[in-house]
PDB file of N, CA and C in Angstrom:
ATOM      1  N   MET A   1      54.290 -64.432 -66.586  1.00  0.00           N
ATOM      2  CA  MET A   1      53.767 -63.008 -67.009  1.00  0.00           C
ATOM      3  C   MET A   1      55.236 -61.640 -66.511  1.00  0.00           C
ATOM      4  N   GLY A   2      54.617 -61.256 -66.489  1.00  0.00           N
ATOM      5  CA  GLY A   2      55.363 -59.847 -66.441  1.00  0.00           C
ATOM      6  C   GLY A   2      55.879 -58.675 -66.855  1.00  0.00           C
ATOM      7  N   TYR A   3      56.594 -58.003 -67.238  1.00  0.00           N
ATOM      8  CA  TYR A   3      56.945 -56.601 -68.211  1.00  0.00           C
ATOM      9  C   TYR A   3      58.359 -56.091 -68.429  1.00  0.00           C
ATOM     10  N   PRO A   4      58.583 -57.181 -69.282  1.00  0.00           N
ATOM     11  CA  PRO A   4      59.767 -57.000 -69.686  1.00  0.00           C
ATOM     12  C   PRO A   4      60.165 -55.620 -70.724  1.00  0.00           C
ATOM     13  N   ASN A   5      59.204 -54.986 -71.330  1.00  0.00           N
ATOM     14  CA  ASN A   5      59.648 -53.815 -72.562  1.00  0.00           C
ATOM     15  C   ASN A   5      58.976 -52.667 -71.510  1.00  0.00           C
ATOM     16  N   THR A   6      58.224 -52.733 -70.176  1.00  0.00           N
ATOM     17  CA  THR A   6      58.121 -51.038 -69.707  1.00  0.00           C
ATOM     18  C   THR A   6      59.125 -50.651 -69.277  1.00  0.00           C
ATOM     19  N   ASP A   7      58.563 -48.603 -69.192  1.00  0.00           N
ATOM     20  CA  ASP A   7      59.558 -47.891 -69.486  1.00  0.00           C
ATOM     21  C   ASP A   7      59.515 -47.830 -67.551  1.00  0.00           C
ATOM     22  N   PRO A   8      60.817 -47.552 -66.575  1.00  0.00           N
ATOM     23  CA  PRO A   8      60.813 -47.904 -65.158  1.00  0.00           C
ATOM     24  C   PRO A   8      59.727 -46.958 -64.851  1.00  0.00           C
ATOM     25  N   GLU A   9      59.942 -45.694 -65.321  1.00  0.00           N
ATOM     26  CA  GLU A   9      59.468 -44.442 -65.176  1.00  0.00           C
ATOM     27  C   GLU A   9      57.621 -44.618 -64.666  1.00  0.00           C
ATOM     28  N   ARG A  10      57.309 -45.203 -66.153  1.00  0.00           N
ATOM     29  CA  ARG A  10      56.341 -45.127 -66.275  1.00  0.00           C
ATOM     30  C   ARG A  10      55.471 -46.338 -65.235  1.00  0.00           C
ATOM     31  N   LYS A  11      56.064 -47.051 -65.360  1.00  0.00           N
ATOM     32  CA  LYS A  11      55.410 -48.029 -63.707  1.00  0.00           C
ATOM     33  C   LYS A  11      55.633 -47.897 -62.595  1.00  0.00           C
ATOM     34  N   LEU A  12      56.914 -46.745 -61.893  1.00  0.00           N
ATOM     35  CA  LEU A  12      56.526 -45.782 -61.638  1.00  0.00           C
ATOM     36  C   LEU A  12      55.710 -45.098 -61.183  1.00  0.00           C
ATOM     37  N   HIS A  13      54.677 -44.805 -62.409  1.00  0.00           N
ATOM     38  CA  HIS A  13      53.503 -43.817 -62.221  1.00  0.00           C
ATOM     39  C   HIS A  13      52.317 -45.158 -61.680  1.00  0.00           C
ATOM     40  N   GLU A  14      52.286 -45.272 -62.366  1.00  0.00           N
ATOM     41  CA  GLU A  14      51.559 -47.085 -62.479  1.00  0.00           C
ATOM     42  C   GLU A  14      50.674 -47.337 -61.154  1.00  0.00           C
ATOM     43  N   ILE A  15      52.278 -47.719 -60.254  1.00  0.00           N
ATOM     44  CA  ILE A  15      52.442 -48.450 -59.159  1.00  0.00           C
ATOM     45  C   ILE A  15      51.845 -46.426 -58.428  1.00  0.00           C
ATOM     46  N   HIS A  16      52.012 -46.320 -58.488  1.00  0.00           N
ATOM     47  CA  HIS A  16      52.011 -44.284 -57.393  1.00  0.00           C
ATOM     48  C   HIS A  16      50.044 -44.636 -57.340  1.00  0.00           C
ATOM     49  N   LYS A  17      50.072 -44.204 -58.791  1.00  0.00           N
ATOM     50  CA  LYS A  17      48.468 -44.570 -58.593  1.00  0.00           C
ATOM     51  C   LYS A  17      47.642 -45.668 -58.590  1.00  0.00           C
ATOM     52  N   ALA A  18      47.971 -46.841 -58.231  1.00  0.00           N
ATOM     53  CA  ALA A  18      47.788 -48.003 -57.758  1.00  0.00           C
ATOM     54  C   ALA A  18      47.326 -47.520 -56.452  1.00  0.00           C
ATOM     55  N   ALA A  19      48.633 -46.778 -55.903  1.00  0.00           N
ATOM     56  CA  ALA A  19      48.302 -47.638 -54.659  1.00  0.00           C
ATOM     57  C   ALA A  19      48.167 -45.885 -53.785  1.00  0.00           C
ATOM     58  N   LEU A  20      47.297 -45.640 -54.752  1.00  0.00           N
ATOM     59  CA  LEU A  20      46.600 -43.722 -54.179  1.00  0.00           C
ATOM     60  C   LEU A  20      45.233 -44.041 -52.852  1.00  0.00           C
ATOM     61  N   ASP A  21      44.518 -45.233 -53.493  1.00  0.00           N
ATOM     62  CA  ASP A  21      43.723 -45.812 -52.658  1.00  0.00           C
ATOM     63  C   ASP A  21      44.095 -46.705 -51.628  1.00  0.00           C
ATOM     64  N   ASP A  22      44.824 -47.539 -51.246  1.00  0.00           N
ATOM     65  CA  ASP A  22      45.867 -48.507 -50.948  1.00  0.00           C
ATOM     66  C   ASP A  22      46.246 -47.991 -49.383  1.00  0.00           C
ATOM     67  N   SER A  23      45.740 -47.635 -48.515  1.00  0.00           N
ATOM     68  CA  SER A  23      47.374 -47.006 -48.112  1.00  0.00           C
ATOM     69  C   SER A  23      47.898 -47.936 -46.758  1.00  0.00           C
ATOM     70  N   CYS A  24      47.548 -48.938 -46.727  1.00  0.00           N
ATOM     71  CA  CYS A  24      48.509 -50.620 -46.699  1.00  0.00           C
ATOM     72  C   CYS A  24      49.318 -50.990 -47.675  1.00  0.00           C
ATOM     73  N   CYS A  25      49.767 -50.006 -48.998  1.00  0.00           N
ATOM     74  CA  CYS A  25      50.093 -50.830 -50.081  1.00  0.00           C
ATOM     75  C   CYS A  25      51.560 -51.027 -49.567  1.00  0.00           C
ATOM     76  N   TRP A  26      52.748 -51.610 -50.144  1.00  0.00           N
ATOM     77  CA  TRP A  26      54.084 -51.461 -49.858  1.00  0.00           C
ATOM     78  C   TRP A  26      54.639 -50.837 -50.912  1.00  0.00           C
ATOM     79  N   SER A  27      54.339 -49.742 -51.516  1.00  0.00           N
ATOM     80  CA  SER A  27      55.019 -48.809 -51.993  1.00  0.00           C
ATOM     81  C   SER A  27      55.252 -47.716 -51.104  1.00  0.00           C
ATOM     82  N   HIS A  28      54.261 -47.273 -49.882  1.00  0.00           N
ATOM     83  CA  HIS A  28      54.798 -46.179 -49.169  1.00  0.00           C
ATOM     84  C   HIS A  28      55.384 -46.818 -48.615  1.00  0.00           C
ATOM     85  N   GLN A  29      56.213 -48.195 -48.319  1.00  0.00           N
ATOM     86  CA  GLN A  29      57.540 -47.689 -47.420  1.00  0.00           C
ATOM     87  C   GLN A  29      58.355 -47.556 -47.788  1.00  0.00           C
ATOM     88  N   MET A  30      58.555 -47.103 -49.338  1.00  0.00           N
ATOM     89  CA  MET A  30      59.855 -46.491 -49.880  1.00  0.00           C
ATOM     90  C   MET A  30      59.792 -45.339 -50.368  1.00  0.00           C
ATOM     91  N   GLU A  31      60.833 -44.660 -50.307  1.00  0.00           N
ATOM     92  CA  GLU A  31      60.869 -43.290 -51.625  1.00  0.00           C
ATOM     93  C   GLU A  31      61.049 -43.559 -53.012  1.00  0.00           C
ATOM     94  N   ASP A  32      60.598 -42.834 -53.484  1.00  0.00           N
ATOM     95  CA  ASP A  32      60.970 -42.607 -54.988  1.00  0.00           C
ATOM     96  C   ASP A  32      62.554 -43.503 -55.653  1.00  0.00           C
ATOM     97  N   LEU A  33      63.407 -42.693 -55.334  1.00  0.00           N
ATOM     98  CA  LEU A  33      64.283 -43.552 -55.831  1.00  0.00           C
ATOM     99  C   LEU A  33      64.256 -45.097 -55.350  1.00  0.00           C
ATOM    100  N   GLU A  34      63.982 -45.898 -54.218  1.00  0.00           N
ATOM    101  CA  GLU A  34      64.658 -46.593 -53.844  1.00  0.00           C
ATOM    102  C   GLU A  34      63.531 -47.857 -54.907  1.00  0.00           C
ATOM    103  N   LEU A  35      61.960 -47.604 -54.915  1.00  0.00           N
ATOM    104  CA  LEU A  35      61.153 -47.711 -55.940  1.00  0.00           C
ATOM    105  C   LEU A  35      61.852 -47.618 -57.240  1.00  0.00           C
ATOM    106  N   LEU A  36      61.672 -46.704 -57.358  1.00  0.00           N
ATOM    107  CA  LEU A  36      62.380 -46.919 -59.016  1.00  0.00           C
ATOM    108  C   LEU A  36      63.747 -48.053 -59.310  1.00  0.00           C
ATOM    109  N   ARG A  37      64.137 -48.434 -58.660  1.00  0.00           N
ATOM    110  CA  ARG A  37      65.819 -49.304 -58.431  1.00  0.00           C
ATOM    111  C   ARG A  37      64.603 -50.640 -58.361  1.00  0.00           C
ATOM    112  N   THR A  38      63.284 -51.126 -57.455  1.00  0.00           N
ATOM    113  CA  THR A  38      63.007 -51.947 -57.167  1.00  0.00           C
ATOM    114  C   THR A  38      61.430 -52.238 -58.859  1.00  0.00           C
ATOM    115  N   VAL A  39      61.431 -51.207 -59.067  1.00  0.00           N
ATOM    116  CA  VAL A  39      60.789 -51.439 -60.651  1.00  0.00           C
ATOM    117  C   VAL A  39      62.121 -51.865 -62.027  1.00  0.00           C
ATOM    118  N   GLN A  40      62.955 -50.796 -61.692  1.00  0.00           N
ATOM    119  CA  GLN A  40      64.486 -51.768 -62.556  1.00  0.00           C
ATOM    120  C   GLN A  40      64.353 -53.272 -62.717  1.00  0.00           C
ATOM    121  N   SER A  41      64.418 -53.417 -61.184  1.00  0.00           N
ATOM    122  CA  SER A  41      64.751 -55.314 -61.171  1.00  0.00           C
ATOM    123  C   SER A  41      64.013 -55.823 -61.283  1.00  0.00           C
ATOM    124  N   PHE A  42      62.708 -55.865 -61.119  1.00  0.00           N
ATOM    125  CA  PHE A  42      61.141 -56.180 -61.437  1.00  0.00           C
ATOM    126  C   PHE A  42      61.915 -56.258 -63.247  1.00  0.00           C
ATOM    127  N   ILE A  43      62.137 -55.064 -63.291  1.00  0.00           N
ATOM    128  CA  ILE A  43      62.238 -55.432 -65.318  1.00  0.00           C
ATOM    129  C   ILE A  43      62.930 -56.349 -65.507  1.00  0.00           C
ATOM    130  N   SER A  44      64.268 -56.441 -64.507  1.00  0.00           N
ATOM    131  CA  SER A  44      65.504 -57.319 -65.081  1.00  0.00           C
ATOM    132  C   SER A  44      65.018 -58.920 -65.095  1.00  0.00           C
ATOM    133  N   LEU A  45      64.256 -59.070 -63.313  1.00  0.00           N
ATOM    134  CA  LEU A  45      63.623 -60.154 -63.156  1.00  0.00           C
ATOM    135  C   LEU A  45      62.563 -60.288 -64.719  1.00  0.00           C
ATOM    136  N   SER A  46      61.494 -60.359 -65.034  1.00  0.00           N
ATOM    137  CA  SER A  46      60.940 -60.246 -65.830  1.00  0.00           C
ATOM    138  C   SER A  46      61.178 -60.493 -67.975  1.00  0.00           C
ATOM    139  N   GLN A  47      62.342 -60.117 -67.726  1.00  0.00           N
ATOM    140  CA  GLN A  47      63.545 -60.573 -69.323  1.00  0.00           C
ATOM    141  C   GLN A  47      64.016 -61.758 -68.877  1.00  0.00           C
ATOM    142  N   VAL A  48      64.125 -61.847 -68.071  1.00  0.00           N
ATOM    143  CA  VAL A  48      65.045 -64.068 -67.508  1.00  0.00           C
ATOM    144  C   VAL A  48      64.074 -63.856 -67.508  1.00  0.00           C
ATOM    145  N   ILE A  49      62.889 -64.240 -67.514  1.00  0.00           N
ATOM    146  CA  ILE A  49      62.160 -65.311 -66.973  1.00  0.00           C
ATOM    147  C   ILE A  49      61.317 -65.572 -68.593  1.00  0.00           C
ATOM    148  N   GLU A  50      61.420 -64.056 -69.230  1.00  0.00           N
ATOM    149  CA  GLU A  50      60.512 -64.087 -70.781  1.00  0.00           C
ATOM    150  C   GLU A  50      61.965 -64.423 -71.411  1.00  0.00           C
ATOM    151  N   ARG A  51      62.727 -64.520 -71.252  1.00  0.00           N
ATOM    152  CA  ARG A  51      63.817 -65.560 -71.537  1.00  0.00           C
ATOM    153  C   ARG A  51      63.822 -67.554 -71.452  1.00  0.00           C
ATOM    154  N   ASP A  52      63.616 -67.350 -70.451  1.00  0.00           N
ATOM    155  CA  ASP A  52      63.472 -68.742 -70.121  1.00  0.00           C
ATOM    156  C   ASP A  52      62.491 -69.316 -70.388  1.00  0.00           C
ATOM    157  N   CYS A  53      60.830 -68.044 -70.704  1.00  0.00           N
ATOM    158  CA  CYS A  53      60.201 -69.105 -71.360  1.00  0.00           C
ATOM    159  C   CYS A  53      59.905 -69.649 -72.967  1.00  0.00           C
ATOM    160  N   VAL A  54      60.271 -68.482 -73.567  1.00  0.00           N
ATOM    161  CA  VAL A  54      61.233 -68.964 -74.962  1.00  0.00           C
ATOM    162  C   VAL A  54      62.010 -70.193 -74.751  1.00  0.00           C
ATOM    163  N   ARG A  55      63.156 -69.952 -74.453  1.00  0.00           N
ATOM    164  CA  ARG A  55      63.775 -71.206 -74.780  1.00  0.00           C
ATOM    165  C   ARG A  55      63.409 -72.469 -74.195  1.00  0.00           C
ATOM    166  N   TYR A  56      62.497 -72.575 -73.452  1.00  0.00           N
ATOM    167  CA  TYR A  56      61.440 -74.068 -72.722  1.00  0.00           C
ATOM    168  C   TYR A  56      60.277 -74.405 -73.586  1.00  0.00           C
ATOM    169  N   GLY A  57      60.070 -73.133 -74.528  1.00  0.00           N
ATOM    170  CA  GLY A  57      58.910 -72.764 -75.192  1.00  0.00           C
ATOM    171  C   GLY A  57      57.263 -73.175 -74.229  1.00  0.00           C
ATOM    172  N   PHE A  58      57.392 -72.334 -72.935  1.00  0.00           N
ATOM    173  CA  PHE A  58      56.447 -71.849 -72.437  1.00  0.00           C
ATOM    174  C   PHE A  58      55.692 -70.439 -72.849  1.00  0.00           C
ATOM    175  N   PRO A  59      54.635 -70.081 -72.876  1.00  0.00           N
ATOM    176  CA  PRO A  59      53.347 -68.942 -73.195  1.00  0.00           C
ATOM    177  C   PRO A  59      54.308 -68.095 -72.370  1.00  0.00           C
ATOM    178  N   PHE A  60      54.588 -66.414 -72.408  1.00  0.00           N
ATOM    179  CA  PHE A  60      55.040 -65.296 -71.649  1.00  0.00           C
ATOM    180  C   PHE A  60      54.165 -64.291 -71.923  1.00  0.00           C
ATOM    181  N   PHE A  61      53.078 -63.465 -70.930  1.00  0.00           N
ATOM    182  CA  PHE A  61      52.114 -63.044 -71.026  1.00  0.00           C
ATOM    183  C   PHE A  61      53.286 -61.198 -70.868  1.00  0.00           C
ATOM    184  N   ASP A  62      53.185 -60.301 -71.602  1.00  0.00           N
ATOM    185  CA  ASP A  62      53.864 -58.924 -70.948  1.00  0.00           C
ATOM    186  C   ASP A  62      52.479 -58.461 -70.984  1.00  0.00           C
ATOM    187  N   ARG A  63      53.069 -57.541 -69.748  1.00  0.00           N
ATOM    188  CA  ARG A  63      50.872 -57.530 -68.642  1.00  0.00           C
ATOM    189  C   ARG A  63      51.848 -55.501 -68.541  1.00  0.00           C
ATOM    190  N   VAL A  64      52.247 -55.263 -69.560  1.00  0.00           N
ATOM    191  CA  VAL A  64      52.186 -53.641 -70.094  1.00  0.00           C
ATOM    192  C   VAL A  64      50.444 -53.435 -70.172  1.00  0.00           C
ATOM    193  N   VAL A  65      50.448 -52.115 -69.300  1.00  0.00           N
ATOM    194  CA  VAL A  65      48.722 -51.322 -69.790  1.00  0.00           C
ATOM    195  C   VAL A  65      48.631 -50.282 -70.446  1.00  0.00           C
ATOM    196  N   ALA A  66      48.262 -50.539 -71.361  1.00  0.00           N
ATOM    197  CA  ALA A  66      47.849 -49.537 -72.329  1.00  0.00           C
ATOM    198  C   ALA A  66      47.600 -48.353 -71.892  1.00  0.00           C
ATOM    199  N   LYS A  67      48.066 -47.140 -72.794  1.00  0.00           N
ATOM    200  CA  LYS A  67      48.041 -45.951 -72.425  1.00  0.00           C
ATOM    201  C   LYS A  67      46.507 -45.395 -72.084  1.00  0.00           C
TER     202      LYS A  67
END
């Protein structure tokens, strides 16, 4: 499960939106540029996991939230 095909800016917006009601959210500890880089690394990791799932015959679920 991951989000290998999402746009980093879109995911950043989703994280900010989810964090509005959670003062303890980990994302509050990061500046936007650092958070964007973290999101980009999560996307890259999701791409690796997706490739491995395909390679070894495991299901993979792309968790992109519909607009």
